Protein backbone atom coordinates (compact mmCIF):
# COMPACT_ATOMS: atom_id res chain seq x y z
CA MET A 1 25.05 -14.58 22.87
CA SER A 2 26.50 -15.01 19.35
CA LEU A 3 26.49 -12.43 16.51
CA VAL A 4 25.37 -13.35 12.88
CA TYR A 5 27.68 -11.44 10.60
CA ILE A 6 25.69 -11.16 6.75
CA THR A 7 27.56 -10.83 3.88
CA HIS A 8 25.53 -11.02 1.22
CA HIS A 9 21.26 -11.90 0.90
CA ASP A 10 19.09 -13.19 -1.67
CA GLU A 11 15.54 -12.84 -0.66
CA ASN A 12 12.99 -10.76 -1.15
CA ILE A 13 11.25 -9.88 2.28
CA LEU A 14 8.44 -7.65 0.81
CA GLU A 15 5.89 -10.38 0.39
CA CYS A 16 6.58 -12.69 4.11
CA GLU A 17 3.77 -11.42 5.40
CA GLN A 18 1.59 -11.22 2.79
CA ASP A 19 2.37 -15.14 2.40
CA PHE A 20 1.92 -16.44 5.45
CA VAL A 21 -1.31 -14.52 5.96
CA LYS A 22 -2.40 -16.98 2.82
CA ALA A 23 -0.96 -19.77 4.05
CA SER A 24 -3.26 -19.95 7.13
CA GLY A 25 -6.31 -19.51 4.98
CA PRO A 26 -9.14 -16.84 4.86
CA LYS A 27 -10.29 -15.97 8.63
CA GLU A 28 -14.20 -15.80 8.69
CA SER A 29 -15.60 -12.79 10.30
CA PHE A 30 -17.69 -13.07 14.18
CA TYR A 31 -20.19 -10.25 12.24
CA VAL A 32 -21.46 -11.25 8.71
CA PHE A 33 -24.09 -9.50 7.32
CA ARG A 34 -26.29 -10.97 4.31
CA HIS A 35 -27.25 -7.58 3.53
CA PRO A 36 -27.83 -6.59 0.04
CA VAL A 37 -26.50 -2.82 -0.05
CA VAL A 38 -23.64 -4.29 2.32
CA GLU A 39 -22.10 -6.82 -0.24
CA LYS A 40 -22.95 -4.09 -2.19
CA ALA A 41 -20.88 -1.86 -1.00
CA ALA A 42 -17.84 -4.47 -0.14
CA LYS A 43 -18.40 -6.03 -4.21
CA TYR A 44 -17.07 -1.81 -4.43
CA ALA A 45 -14.67 -2.19 -2.02
CA LYS A 46 -12.76 -5.31 -3.23
CA SER A 47 -12.95 -3.14 -7.45
CA ILE A 48 -10.97 -0.14 -5.56
CA ARG A 49 -8.82 -2.29 -3.59
CA ASP A 50 -7.89 -4.10 -7.60
CA ARG A 51 -7.17 -1.15 -9.06
CA LEU A 52 -5.12 0.74 -6.47
CA ASP A 53 -3.27 -3.07 -6.16
CA ILE A 54 -2.23 -2.75 -9.51
CA GLU A 55 -1.12 0.54 -9.88
CA ASP A 56 0.69 0.01 -6.78
CA LYS A 57 2.53 -3.01 -8.44
CA LYS A 58 3.16 -1.07 -11.84
CA LEU A 59 6.19 0.11 -13.12
CA SER A 60 8.06 3.33 -12.50
CA CYS A 61 10.17 2.61 -15.78
CA ILE A 62 8.99 0.80 -19.24
CA VAL A 63 10.26 -0.21 -22.40
CA GLN A 64 8.30 0.32 -25.61
CA LYS A 65 8.16 -1.58 -28.05
CA ASP A 66 10.71 0.78 -30.02
CA GLY A 67 13.41 0.12 -27.42
CA THR A 68 12.78 3.81 -26.04
CA ARG A 69 12.48 3.34 -21.69
CA VAL A 70 9.81 5.96 -20.58
CA LEU A 71 9.56 6.85 -17.24
CA THR A 72 6.19 6.91 -16.25
CA GLU A 73 4.37 8.14 -12.82
CA ALA A 74 4.03 5.33 -11.78
CA LYS A 75 6.35 4.41 -8.54
CA LYS A 76 7.93 1.07 -8.29
CA SER A 77 6.99 -1.18 -5.72
CA LEU A 78 8.97 -4.24 -5.62
CA HIS A 79 12.37 -4.65 -3.90
CA ARG A 80 11.16 -1.63 -1.41
CA THR A 81 12.84 -2.93 1.81
CA MET A 82 16.21 -4.86 0.93
CA GLY A 83 16.80 -4.07 -3.03
CA CYS A 84 17.77 -6.74 -5.34
CA ALA A 85 18.53 -9.98 -4.26
CA HIS A 86 21.52 -9.78 -7.79
CA THR A 87 21.92 -6.29 -8.93
CA PRO A 88 22.05 -6.08 -13.03
CA ILE A 89 24.74 -4.95 -14.86
CA ASP A 90 25.49 -4.22 -18.10
CA PRO A 91 27.92 -5.37 -19.73
CA PRO A 92 31.04 -2.38 -20.97
CA CYS A 93 29.83 -3.11 -24.61
CA ALA A 94 26.59 -1.68 -23.74
CA TYR A 95 27.25 1.56 -22.24
CA LEU A 96 24.22 4.06 -22.35
CA ARG A 97 25.04 6.34 -26.06
CA LYS A 98 22.92 9.23 -27.19
CA ASN A 99 19.18 8.97 -27.05
CA GLN A 100 19.58 6.07 -25.07
CA GLY A 101 18.62 7.38 -21.55
CA VAL A 102 15.18 7.26 -19.36
CA LYS A 103 13.18 10.25 -20.60
CA TRP A 104 9.85 11.79 -19.10
CA ARG A 105 6.61 11.21 -21.09
CA ARG A 106 3.41 11.28 -20.07
CA GLU A 107 1.49 8.07 -20.39
CA ARG A 108 -1.71 9.03 -23.46
CA ASP A 109 -4.30 6.72 -21.68
CA HIS A 110 -6.51 10.23 -22.48
CA VAL A 111 -9.16 9.67 -26.13
CA CYS A 112 -10.18 12.59 -26.73
CA PRO A 113 -14.53 11.87 -27.29
CA LYS A 114 -15.56 12.06 -30.96
CA VAL A 115 -18.07 15.23 -31.83
CA PRO A 116 -19.86 15.64 -34.95
CA GLY A 117 -18.56 17.83 -37.59
CA MET A 118 -19.17 21.50 -37.82
CA PRO A 119 -22.09 21.94 -40.95
CA PRO A 120 -20.50 23.96 -44.38
CA LEU A 121 -20.67 27.49 -44.19
CA PRO A 122 -23.32 28.27 -46.68
CA ARG A 123 -22.48 28.97 -50.54
CA PRO A 124 -22.44 33.05 -52.15
CA GLY A 125 -26.19 33.81 -53.21
CA SER A 126 -27.93 30.85 -51.42
CA CYS A 127 -29.72 33.68 -49.41
CA THR A 128 -32.91 34.92 -50.01
CA LYS A 129 -33.91 37.39 -47.61
CA LYS A 130 -34.47 40.87 -49.01
CA GLY A 131 -30.83 42.77 -47.28
CA MET A 132 -28.98 40.21 -46.43
CA THR A 133 -26.22 39.92 -49.69
CA ALA A 134 -24.41 43.26 -50.49
CA ASN A 135 -21.64 44.29 -52.87
CA PHE A 136 -19.27 45.67 -50.62
CA ILE A 137 -17.36 46.20 -53.46
CA LYS A 138 -19.43 48.70 -55.08
CA ARG A 139 -20.35 50.49 -51.77
CA ASN A 140 -16.67 51.24 -50.92
CA ARG A 141 -16.39 51.79 -54.79
CA GLU A 142 -19.18 55.02 -54.35
CA CYS A 143 -17.99 56.21 -50.93
CA ALA A 144 -14.35 56.75 -52.12
CA ALA A 145 -16.15 58.73 -55.65
CA GLN A 146 -18.29 61.06 -52.33
CA THR A 147 -14.56 60.65 -50.08
CA ILE A 148 -13.52 65.15 -50.49
CA PRO A 149 -9.81 64.46 -50.52
CA CYS A 150 -7.65 65.55 -47.40
CA PRO A 151 -6.23 69.93 -49.22
CA PRO A 152 -2.32 69.92 -48.82
CA PRO A 153 -1.25 71.76 -46.00
CA PRO A 154 0.15 75.83 -47.59
CA ARG A 155 4.23 75.81 -48.15
CA ILE A 156 6.52 78.33 -49.00
CA VAL A 157 9.82 78.02 -51.43
CA ASP A 158 12.77 79.59 -49.75
CA THR A 159 15.69 77.91 -51.78
CA PRO A 160 16.01 78.35 -56.04
CA VAL A 161 16.30 74.56 -55.49
CA GLY A 162 13.22 73.81 -54.77
CA THR A 163 13.57 73.69 -50.35
CA ARG A 164 9.94 73.63 -48.68
CA GLN A 165 8.67 74.35 -45.54
CA ASN A 166 5.68 74.39 -43.80
CA LEU A 167 4.05 78.44 -44.07
CA MET A 168 1.97 78.06 -40.61
CA ASN A 169 5.27 77.22 -38.31
CA SER A 170 7.20 79.30 -40.34
CA GLY A 171 6.92 83.02 -38.92
CA LEU A 172 5.63 84.69 -42.17
CA VAL A 173 1.60 83.85 -41.25
CA PRO A 174 0.46 86.01 -38.53
CA GLN A 175 -1.53 83.41 -36.82
CA PHE A 176 -1.62 83.83 -33.21
CA ILE A 177 -3.15 88.06 -33.01
CA CYS A 178 -6.47 85.87 -33.65
CA ARG A 179 -6.62 84.70 -30.06
CA LYS A 180 -8.81 86.05 -27.62
CA ASP A 181 -6.08 87.09 -24.81
CA PHE A 182 -4.01 88.39 -27.79
CA GLY A 183 -1.96 91.79 -25.93
CA LYS A 184 -3.30 90.84 -23.26
CA VAL A 185 -1.12 89.70 -19.79
CA PRO A 186 -1.20 86.54 -18.62
CA VAL A 187 -3.37 85.13 -15.91
CA TYR A 188 -0.58 83.10 -14.01
CA LEU A 189 1.60 86.69 -13.73
CA LYS A 190 -2.06 88.29 -13.02
CA LYS A 191 -2.22 86.42 -9.89
CA THR A 192 1.47 86.20 -9.19
CA LYS A 193 1.16 89.91 -9.08
CA LYS A 194 -1.63 89.97 -6.75
CA LEU A 195 -0.07 86.91 -4.54
CA LEU A 196 3.32 89.83 -4.32
CA ALA A 197 1.01 92.95 -3.19
CA GLU A 198 -1.04 90.77 -0.61
CA MET A 199 2.56 89.32 0.60
CA ASN A 200 3.65 93.01 1.01
CA ALA A 201 1.12 94.62 3.03
CA VAL A 202 1.76 92.19 5.49
CA CYS A 203 5.42 92.64 5.68
CA ALA A 204 4.46 96.72 5.63
CA LYS A 205 2.00 95.86 8.54
CA GLU A 206 3.84 93.81 10.53
CA GLN A 207 7.00 96.38 10.05
CA GLN A 208 4.86 99.18 11.32
CA ARG A 209 3.88 97.07 14.34
CA LEU A 210 7.60 97.27 15.05
CA LEU A 211 8.18 100.37 15.03
CA GLU A 212 5.93 101.39 16.89
CA LEU A 213 6.35 99.28 19.69
CA CYS A 214 10.67 100.06 19.40
CA ARG A 215 8.71 104.11 19.33
CA GLY A 216 11.74 105.14 16.70
CA ILE A 217 14.29 103.47 14.26
CA LYS A 218 16.01 100.31 14.42
CA GLY A 219 19.20 101.45 16.65
CA PHE A 220 16.58 102.88 19.51
CA THR A 221 18.08 103.43 22.79
CA ARG A 222 16.75 104.21 26.19
CA ALA A 223 18.20 107.70 26.83
CA ALA A 224 16.55 108.28 22.78
CA GLY A 225 13.36 106.78 23.96
CA ALA A 226 13.14 108.90 27.31
CA THR A 227 13.27 111.47 25.18
CA ALA A 228 10.34 110.84 22.46
CA GLY A 229 8.20 109.32 25.21
CA ALA A 230 7.41 106.25 26.95
CA GLY A 231 10.00 102.76 26.38
CA PRO A 232 8.41 98.73 25.20
CA PRO A 233 6.20 98.24 27.28
CA GLU A 234 7.05 96.37 30.41
CA MET A 235 6.96 92.51 30.67
CA PRO A 236 6.92 91.14 34.82
CA GLY A 237 9.35 89.40 35.77
CA MET A 238 11.24 90.87 32.61
CA ARG A 239 13.84 93.54 31.67
CA VAL A 240 14.23 95.30 28.60
CA MET A 241 18.47 94.88 27.93
CA GLU A 242 20.30 97.71 28.51
CA LEU A 243 22.66 98.88 25.77
CA THR A 244 26.23 98.47 26.99
CA GLU A 245 24.51 95.01 28.19
CA ARG A 246 23.67 93.75 24.26
CA ASN A 247 27.07 95.90 23.00
CA GLU A 248 29.48 93.18 25.48
CA ILE A 249 27.70 90.64 24.31
CA LEU A 250 28.35 91.20 20.74
CA GLU A 251 32.10 91.91 21.50
CA GLY A 252 32.04 88.30 23.12
CA LEU A 253 30.47 87.42 20.44
CA ARG A 254 32.76 88.61 17.36
CA MET A 255 35.83 87.97 19.75
CA SER A 256 34.80 84.03 19.98
CA LEU A 257 33.86 84.13 16.26
CA THR A 258 37.43 85.59 15.09
CA GLU A 259 39.45 82.75 18.10
CA MET A 260 36.79 80.01 16.15
CA THR A 261 37.76 81.06 12.99
CA LYS A 262 40.92 80.97 13.14
CA GLN A 263 41.16 77.54 14.31
CA TYR A 264 39.65 76.07 11.24
CA GLN A 265 41.51 77.96 9.36
CA SER A 266 44.75 76.26 10.61
CA MET A 267 43.30 72.68 10.62
CA SER A 268 45.46 70.16 8.54
CA LEU A 269 44.39 69.85 4.88
CA LEU A 270 44.21 65.88 4.87
CA ILE A 271 41.25 64.40 7.13
CA ASP A 272 42.36 61.35 7.22
CA ASN A 273 40.86 60.12 11.04
CA ILE A 274 37.81 59.73 12.63
CA ALA A 275 39.26 62.45 15.64
CA LYS A 276 40.03 65.98 12.61
CA ARG A 277 36.76 64.80 11.29
CA GLN A 278 34.65 65.10 14.50
CA ARG A 279 36.98 68.29 15.98
CA LYS A 280 35.86 70.08 11.98
CA SER A 281 31.85 68.89 12.07
CA LYS A 282 32.06 70.05 16.16
CA LEU A 283 34.03 73.56 14.73
CA GLU A 284 31.69 74.60 12.16
CA HIS A 285 28.71 73.72 14.63
CA ASP A 286 30.08 76.50 17.06
CA LEU A 287 30.55 78.73 13.83
CA ARG A 288 26.91 79.09 12.78
CA GLN A 289 25.83 78.80 16.00
CA VAL A 290 27.74 81.93 16.86
CA GLU A 291 26.53 83.47 13.44
CA GLN A 292 23.20 82.75 14.26
CA ASP A 293 23.11 84.57 18.00
CA ILE A 294 24.76 87.42 16.33
CA LEU A 295 22.57 88.20 13.34
CA LEU A 296 19.76 87.83 16.15
CA ILE A 297 21.30 90.48 18.62
CA GLU A 298 21.60 92.87 16.35
CA THR A 299 18.61 92.50 14.34
CA THR A 300 16.20 92.29 17.13
CA PRO A 301 15.35 95.95 18.58
CA ILE A 302 14.23 95.03 21.80
CA ILE A 303 15.09 92.19 23.79
CA TYR A 304 14.24 90.98 27.48
CA VAL A 305 15.74 89.43 29.69
CA SER A 306 14.69 87.33 32.59
CA GLU A 307 15.41 88.75 36.02
CA TYR A 308 15.08 85.52 38.07
C-alpha cells in the first residue's frame, strides 16, 4: 500500500458534485403531475431557491466605487472546504493605511415610500367662526391689571446700618398664644403618664402578691414564718430551701466568683493565639453565670428544691 503526500493543491472541489450531476443530464421523475396547482407551486419554489442561491453566492466584503471595502451581512460561500488555490498577497508598498480597513456598514437597500405632504397651517384671521379667535395679549393685560399683588412679609430693622430680618420668626411677636393647645399638656405626655401609672399599678400588685406569698418581708426565715403564722404553700415532691443551705450555696458561689476573678485578672495582657482567646471567653462566660446565680438566690425569697 502506497501513501500519497500532497505538497500543494490548486483545485476547487466545492462544485465537483454539482458538475457531475449536470454532466449526467436531467432525470425525469416517475411521478409527473400535470396539475396547474402543482406547476404553480413548483415554479414558486424554484424562484425561492434561485433567490437563496443568489444570496449564498453573494460576497461578504464588497468594494464600492470610491475604493472603500464594506463588510455586508452575507456570508462567503466560495472555497469553503479547501480555501483559495493561490492566496493573493499584496506587495510591500501596499500596506494598510489609515481609514482603509474593512468597515462595518449595512447595505441601504430600503427605500422609504413617498407620503403626501402635510397641509399648510391656516393664516391668522382666516377662521370666520365665532369664538375661534382670541386676543391673548389683551386678555393677559386685563388679568395683570386685576391681579392683587402679594404683600411683602413684615420685617424689622435691628441695626443702624439697616440690616433687616423677618418679624414672624424673630420672637418679638406672640404668634403661638392663639393656638388651641397653648398652655396645655401635650397629648403624648398624657399617654406616657397613663402608661406609667398602669405599669406601676401592675408592679405594686405583683409585689403585694409576693409579700403575701412570703408571709412577711424580703428577709423571710422559717423561724419568723413560724411566729408569723403558716409558711409558704407546700408543693408535692418539693421542699423549701433552708436558710443554712441558702447561705452555704451563696458562700460557695462567692468563693468561686473570687477565684475566677483572680484567674481572669492574672491573664496576660497580650492575647495572640487561639488558646488564650478560648480561655478568656470561657472565664467570662463562667463569671457571668455565677453572677446570675448569686443574684437569683439573693432576690428570690422562696426556693423549692426537688426531693427526688
